[in-house]
Amino acid sequence: MSDDQGALISARGLVKRYGDTVAVAGIDFEVRAGEVFSLLGPNGAGKSSTMRMLSGTSAPSGGSLRILGMDPVSDGPAVRARLGVVPQKDNLDRELTVLENLTTYARLFGLGRKAARLRSVELLEFVRLSDRAGDLIDALSGGMMRRLAIARALVNEPDIVLLDEPTTGLDPQARHLLWDRLRELRRDGATVVLTTHYMDEAEQLSDRIVIVDGGRIVASGTPPELLRAHGSPEIVELRFDEGGDLPGPAVLRSLAERVEVLGARVLLYVKSAAEASAAVHRAGLRPSGTLERRCTLEDVFLRLTGRALAE
């Protein structure tokens, strides 16, 4: 049984400290059955600390955390038996073949030899690696390794799958193939918790998103809800020559609901890009380049967390 009216994960006032450093500063969230839940934030925002608490590898410093109705500290083995975890860095066994990586892991969960092989063969088909079953890990591409890591996380038929930046460093083709597999998991009713630095990935895959910064939640909701609350329907980017004079603040404020000046670029957050571009022309502005586009989750993310580089 889960708590909080169907939530498989429930965090209330969740805190994680490392000495005097507070990595997670009292956050509340829940993950519902059958959804893809994404945790977004810049480096150092508290995402990895939260994922380690969810996976049972790090105990909370404060607040409460319930997973599948259990305490991940006192009920650690029972919770971990029902989780599938894909860490940031692959920890596949280089001495074993692709198939052996799965069958060996399945045996750790108590599957008999025959059942472990059947489950492993089924998962290799799911992640499109059947033809590489006999290969050693070092013969695989980065995308294949990530797919194998996901397959391994599914051998115990987990109630919750934790994916920590699953597509970092992959080329676009490998990323999209992984997206297809994650969508298939979602259609099959899997509950997925995802962290990612790719905003398009979060927008494409997520049912709900929590954005954290400085260990605190700064926004949450579905992708459309976040766009409505913190973005605008469209954006006009005006590009001016480096070193040239930019339009004054009063002129820019007359063109858009919100304006952001980024060096020689000016971003106009507007309801209609076509109307805003016409207003730019009527105001006598002649930028060297103009780009009209829809507002994206990345625009919302940068607005909420800032554009400064986090180390």
Protein backbone atom coordinates (compact mmCIF):
# COMPACT_ATOMS: atom_id res chain seq x y z
CA MET A 1 0.00 0.00 0.00
CA SER A 2 1.19 3.53 -0.76
CA ASP A 3 0.34 6.64 1.18
CA ASP A 4 -1.06 10.07 0.32
CA GLN A 5 -4.00 8.83 -1.74
CA GLY A 6 -2.13 6.84 -4.34
CA ALA A 7 1.28 8.53 -4.17
CA LEU A 8 4.09 6.00 -4.47
CA ILE A 9 6.58 8.54 -3.12
CA SER A 10 5.77 11.23 -0.58
CA ALA A 11 8.30 13.76 0.74
CA ARG A 12 7.42 16.28 3.42
CA GLY A 13 9.92 18.87 4.60
CA LEU A 14 12.72 16.70 3.18
CA VAL A 15 16.20 17.88 4.22
CA LYS A 16 19.71 16.70 3.38
CA ARG A 17 22.78 18.20 5.06
CA TYR A 18 26.46 17.48 4.52
CA GLY A 19 28.13 19.00 7.54
CA ASP A 20 27.23 22.71 7.51
CA THR A 21 26.06 22.55 3.89
CA VAL A 22 22.33 22.20 3.26
CA ALA A 23 21.85 20.45 -0.09
CA VAL A 24 18.08 19.94 0.22
CA ALA A 25 16.29 22.55 2.30
CA GLY A 26 12.87 21.17 3.24
CA ILE A 27 11.06 20.22 0.04
CA ASP A 28 7.59 18.71 -0.39
CA PHE A 29 6.56 16.59 -3.37
CA GLU A 30 4.83 13.38 -4.28
CA VAL A 31 5.07 10.96 -7.18
CA ARG A 32 1.86 9.28 -8.33
CA ALA A 33 1.45 5.83 -9.75
CA GLY A 34 1.97 5.57 -13.50
CA GLU A 35 3.48 9.00 -14.11
CA VAL A 36 6.82 10.30 -15.34
CA PHE A 37 7.98 12.78 -12.71
CA SER A 38 10.99 14.98 -13.53
CA LEU A 39 13.28 16.76 -11.12
CA LEU A 40 15.07 19.67 -12.79
CA GLY A 41 17.62 22.17 -11.54
CA PRO A 42 21.08 23.62 -12.17
CA ASN A 43 24.22 21.95 -10.82
CA GLY A 44 24.23 22.02 -7.04
CA ALA A 45 20.47 22.51 -6.80
CA GLY A 46 19.91 19.34 -4.77
CA LYS A 47 18.74 16.93 -7.49
CA SER A 48 21.39 14.26 -6.96
CA SER A 49 21.04 14.44 -3.18
CA THR A 50 17.30 13.93 -3.55
CA MET A 51 17.79 10.99 -5.92
CA ARG A 52 20.22 9.35 -3.49
CA MET A 53 17.62 9.63 -0.73
CA LEU A 54 14.98 8.14 -3.04
CA SER A 55 17.23 5.23 -3.98
CA GLY A 56 18.00 4.48 -0.32
CA THR A 57 21.75 5.12 -0.61
CA SER A 58 21.60 8.26 1.56
CA ALA A 59 19.46 8.84 4.64
CA PRO A 60 17.47 12.08 4.99
CA SER A 61 18.75 14.58 7.55
CA GLY A 62 15.26 15.79 8.33
CA GLY A 63 11.63 15.70 7.30
CA SER A 64 9.83 12.57 6.20
CA LEU A 65 10.13 10.34 3.15
CA ARG A 66 7.81 7.46 2.37
CA ILE A 67 8.32 5.17 -0.62
CA LEU A 68 5.64 2.59 -1.40
CA GLY A 69 4.26 3.28 2.06
CA MET A 70 7.57 2.42 3.73
CA ASP A 71 10.48 4.24 5.36
CA PRO A 72 13.51 3.86 3.03
CA VAL A 73 15.86 3.83 6.06
CA SER A 74 14.20 1.34 8.39
CA ASP A 75 12.67 -0.67 5.51
CA GLY A 76 15.66 -0.26 3.19
CA PRO A 77 15.93 -3.79 1.74
CA ALA A 78 12.18 -4.04 1.14
CA VAL A 79 12.11 -0.65 -0.62
CA ARG A 80 15.20 -1.32 -2.75
CA ALA A 81 13.77 -4.66 -3.87
CA ARG A 82 10.95 -2.75 -5.57
CA LEU A 83 13.06 -0.04 -7.18
CA GLY A 84 14.94 0.02 -10.47
CA VAL A 85 17.85 2.45 -10.45
CA VAL A 86 19.83 3.83 -13.41
CA PRO A 87 22.69 5.93 -11.98
CA GLN A 88 24.40 8.83 -13.75
CA LYS A 89 27.50 6.76 -14.42
CA ASP A 90 27.20 3.25 -15.79
CA ASN A 91 28.39 0.54 -13.40
CA LEU A 92 28.00 -2.39 -15.78
CA ASP A 93 30.31 -5.37 -15.28
CA ARG A 94 33.00 -5.20 -17.99
CA GLU A 95 33.98 -8.84 -17.43
CA LEU A 96 30.53 -10.13 -18.41
CA THR A 97 28.66 -10.19 -21.69
CA VAL A 98 25.57 -8.09 -22.30
CA LEU A 99 23.28 -11.03 -21.52
CA GLU A 100 25.30 -12.07 -18.47
CA ASN A 101 25.01 -8.56 -17.03
CA LEU A 102 21.26 -9.08 -16.93
CA THR A 103 21.09 -12.72 -15.89
CA THR A 104 23.59 -12.22 -13.06
CA TYR A 105 21.66 -9.21 -11.77
CA ALA A 106 18.36 -11.10 -12.05
CA ARG A 107 19.76 -13.93 -9.93
CA LEU A 108 20.50 -11.39 -7.17
CA PHE A 109 16.77 -10.74 -7.00
CA GLY A 110 16.04 -14.41 -6.49
CA LEU A 111 15.09 -15.46 -10.02
CA GLY A 112 15.99 -19.03 -10.92
CA ARG A 113 18.45 -19.67 -13.72
CA LYS A 114 15.79 -20.32 -16.37
CA ALA A 115 13.55 -17.44 -15.28
CA ALA A 116 16.53 -15.07 -15.16
CA ARG A 117 17.49 -15.96 -18.73
CA LEU A 118 13.93 -15.60 -20.03
CA ARG A 119 13.53 -12.21 -18.35
CA SER A 120 16.91 -11.04 -19.66
CA VAL A 121 16.18 -12.10 -23.24
CA GLU A 122 12.83 -10.28 -23.05
CA LEU A 123 14.51 -7.09 -21.81
CA LEU A 124 17.22 -7.19 -24.47
CA GLU A 125 14.46 -7.24 -27.05
CA PHE A 126 12.76 -4.31 -25.31
CA VAL A 127 15.92 -2.16 -25.46
CA ARG A 128 16.83 -3.40 -28.97
CA LEU A 129 20.05 -5.15 -27.95
CA SER A 130 19.22 -8.78 -28.77
CA ASP A 131 21.88 -8.91 -31.47
CA ARG A 132 24.56 -7.81 -28.95
CA ALA A 133 23.76 -10.41 -26.28
CA GLY A 134 27.16 -12.11 -26.55
CA ASP A 135 29.25 -8.93 -26.69
CA LEU A 136 31.37 -7.61 -23.86
CA ILE A 137 30.44 -4.18 -22.52
CA ASP A 138 33.42 -2.36 -24.02
CA ALA A 139 32.17 -3.26 -27.49
CA LEU A 140 29.02 -1.18 -26.98
CA SER A 141 28.43 2.46 -27.81
CA GLY A 142 27.45 4.92 -25.09
CA GLY A 143 23.80 4.74 -26.13
CA MET A 144 23.82 0.95 -26.01
CA MET A 145 25.31 1.01 -22.51
CA ARG A 146 22.56 3.34 -21.31
CA ARG A 147 19.89 1.08 -22.82
CA LEU A 148 21.48 -1.92 -21.14
CA ALA A 149 21.56 -0.06 -17.81
CA ILE A 150 17.83 0.60 -18.17
CA ALA A 151 17.20 -3.06 -19.02
CA ARG A 152 19.13 -4.11 -15.93
CA ALA A 153 17.06 -1.74 -13.78
CA LEU A 154 13.92 -3.52 -14.99
CA VAL A 155 14.89 -7.13 -14.24
CA ASN A 156 13.02 -7.14 -10.92
CA GLU A 157 9.88 -5.63 -12.49
CA PRO A 158 10.16 -2.59 -10.19
CA ASP A 159 7.27 -0.45 -9.01
CA ILE A 160 9.39 2.70 -9.47
CA VAL A 161 12.26 3.37 -11.89
CA LEU A 162 14.77 6.07 -10.94
CA LEU A 163 16.69 7.52 -13.90
CA ASP A 164 19.48 9.97 -13.09
CA GLU A 165 20.40 11.91 -16.26
CA PRO A 166 19.94 8.84 -18.50
CA THR A 167 20.85 10.50 -21.82
CA THR A 168 23.76 12.78 -20.85
CA GLY A 169 26.52 12.59 -23.44
CA LEU A 170 24.48 10.67 -26.02
CA ASP A 171 24.05 11.71 -29.64
CA PRO A 172 20.56 12.74 -30.82
CA GLN A 173 19.78 9.36 -32.39
CA ALA A 174 20.61 7.48 -29.17
CA ARG A 175 18.64 9.99 -27.08
CA HIS A 176 15.53 9.58 -29.22
CA LEU A 177 15.75 5.78 -29.09
CA LEU A 178 15.91 5.97 -25.30
CA TRP A 179 12.93 8.34 -25.32
CA ASP A 180 10.98 5.72 -27.27
CA ARG A 181 11.79 3.07 -24.68
CA LEU A 182 10.78 5.40 -21.83
CA ARG A 183 7.50 6.23 -23.57
CA GLU A 184 6.85 2.50 -23.89
CA LEU A 185 7.52 2.04 -20.17
CA ARG A 186 5.06 4.82 -19.48
CA ARG A 187 2.40 3.23 -21.69
CA ASP A 188 2.86 0.00 -19.76
CA GLY A 189 2.06 1.83 -16.52
CA ALA A 190 5.56 2.22 -15.09
CA THR A 191 6.23 5.00 -12.58
CA VAL A 192 9.40 6.89 -13.49
CA VAL A 193 11.40 9.54 -11.63
CA LEU A 194 13.78 11.35 -13.99
CA THR A 195 16.51 13.95 -13.64
CA THR A 196 17.88 15.59 -16.76
CA HIS A 197 19.70 18.69 -17.97
CA TYR A 198 17.86 18.52 -21.30
CA MET A 199 14.76 20.70 -21.12
CA ASP A 200 13.35 19.29 -24.37
CA GLU A 201 13.64 15.82 -22.84
CA ALA A 202 11.71 16.88 -19.75
CA GLU A 203 9.08 18.64 -21.84
CA GLN A 204 8.63 15.62 -24.12
CA LEU A 205 8.50 12.90 -21.45
CA SER A 206 7.18 14.38 -18.21
CA ASP A 207 3.70 14.31 -16.77
CA ARG A 208 4.80 16.60 -13.96
CA ILE A 209 7.95 18.58 -13.22
CA VAL A 210 9.52 20.05 -10.10
CA ILE A 211 12.22 22.69 -10.58
CA VAL A 212 14.66 23.08 -7.69
CA ASP A 213 17.29 25.73 -7.05
CA GLY A 214 19.43 26.16 -3.97
CA GLY A 215 17.85 23.08 -2.40
CA ARG A 216 14.32 24.51 -2.61
CA ILE A 217 11.42 24.04 -5.00
CA VAL A 218 10.90 27.17 -7.11
CA ALA A 219 8.11 25.83 -9.35
CA SER A 220 6.11 22.70 -10.05
CA GLY A 221 3.40 21.54 -12.41
CA THR A 222 2.80 19.94 -15.78
CA PRO A 223 4.86 21.30 -18.69
CA PRO A 224 1.88 23.34 -20.01
CA GLU A 225 1.19 24.69 -16.51
CA LEU A 226 4.79 25.83 -16.09
CA LEU A 227 4.77 27.50 -19.50
CA ARG A 228 1.52 29.33 -18.73
CA ALA A 229 2.61 30.43 -15.26
CA HIS A 230 6.19 31.47 -15.96
CA GLY A 231 6.50 31.95 -19.70
CA SER A 232 4.67 33.58 -22.56
CA PRO A 233 3.12 32.05 -25.67
CA GLU A 234 5.89 33.31 -27.96
CA ILE A 235 9.28 35.03 -27.96
CA VAL A 236 10.90 37.43 -30.41
CA GLU A 237 14.70 37.52 -30.32
CA LEU A 238 16.25 40.73 -31.63
CA ARG A 239 19.94 40.63 -32.46
CA PHE A 240 21.93 43.84 -32.67
CA ASP A 241 25.50 44.44 -33.78
CA GLU A 242 28.08 44.00 -31.03
CA GLY A 243 29.08 47.35 -29.60
CA GLY A 244 26.09 49.10 -31.15
CA ASP A 245 23.49 51.09 -29.25
CA LEU A 246 20.56 49.10 -27.92
CA PRO A 247 17.04 50.54 -27.72
CA GLY A 248 16.28 52.33 -24.47
CA PRO A 249 14.31 50.69 -21.63
CA ALA A 250 11.16 52.73 -22.33
CA VAL A 251 11.10 51.64 -25.98
CA LEU A 252 11.62 47.99 -25.07
CA ARG A 253 8.91 48.07 -22.39
CA SER A 254 6.45 49.33 -24.98
CA LEU A 255 7.05 46.23 -27.11
CA ALA A 256 6.50 43.32 -24.71
CA GLU A 257 5.06 42.10 -21.44
CA ARG A 258 8.58 41.15 -20.35
CA VAL A 259 11.97 42.05 -21.79
CA GLU A 260 15.36 40.45 -21.22
CA VAL A 261 18.60 42.02 -22.46
CA LEU A 262 21.44 39.55 -23.00
CA GLY A 263 24.43 41.42 -24.37
CA ALA A 264 23.60 42.26 -27.97
CA ARG A 265 20.42 40.17 -27.87
CA VAL A 266 17.02 41.32 -26.69
CA LEU A 267 14.28 38.81 -25.86
CA LEU A 268 10.68 39.99 -26.05
CA TYR A 269 8.19 37.74 -24.24
CA VAL A 270 4.89 38.27 -26.03
CA LYS A 271 1.49 36.79 -26.88
CA SER A 272 1.98 37.15 -30.63
CA ALA A 273 5.42 37.14 -32.22
CA ALA A 274 4.03 38.46 -35.50
CA GLU A 275 2.40 41.44 -33.79
CA ALA A 276 5.51 42.13 -31.74
CA SER A 277 7.74 42.06 -34.83
CA ALA A 278 5.42 44.53 -36.52
CA ALA A 279 5.63 46.79 -33.45
CA VAL A 280 9.44 46.58 -33.58
CA HIS A 281 9.34 47.81 -37.19
CA ARG A 282 6.88 50.62 -36.35
CA ALA A 283 9.18 51.75 -33.53
CA GLY A 284 11.91 52.27 -36.09
CA LEU A 285 14.18 49.54 -34.76
CA ARG A 286 16.39 47.76 -37.26
CA PRO A 287 18.01 44.75 -35.58
CA SER A 288 20.59 42.80 -37.57
CA GLY A 289 18.53 39.66 -37.04
CA THR A 290 15.08 38.66 -35.80
CA LEU A 291 13.88 35.24 -34.69
CA GLU A 292 10.29 34.40 -33.83
CA ARG A 293 9.70 31.23 -31.80
CA ARG A 294 7.47 29.65 -29.19
CA CYS A 295 8.39 29.85 -25.52
CA THR A 296 10.00 26.62 -24.27
CA LEU A 297 10.57 24.95 -20.94
CA GLU A 298 14.21 26.04 -21.21
CA ASP A 299 13.09 29.68 -21.22
CA VAL A 300 11.02 29.02 -18.08
CA PHE A 301 13.92 27.18 -16.43
CA LEU A 302 16.36 30.02 -17.09
CA ARG A 303 13.87 32.59 -15.84
CA LEU A 304 13.39 30.71 -12.57
CA THR A 305 16.98 29.66 -11.90
CA GLY A 306 18.97 32.42 -13.62
CA ARG A 307 21.55 32.34 -16.38
CA ALA A 308 24.66 32.35 -14.19
CA LEU A 309 26.85 29.27 -14.58
CA ALA A 310 26.55 26.94 -11.58
CA GLU A 311 29.72 25.09 -10.66
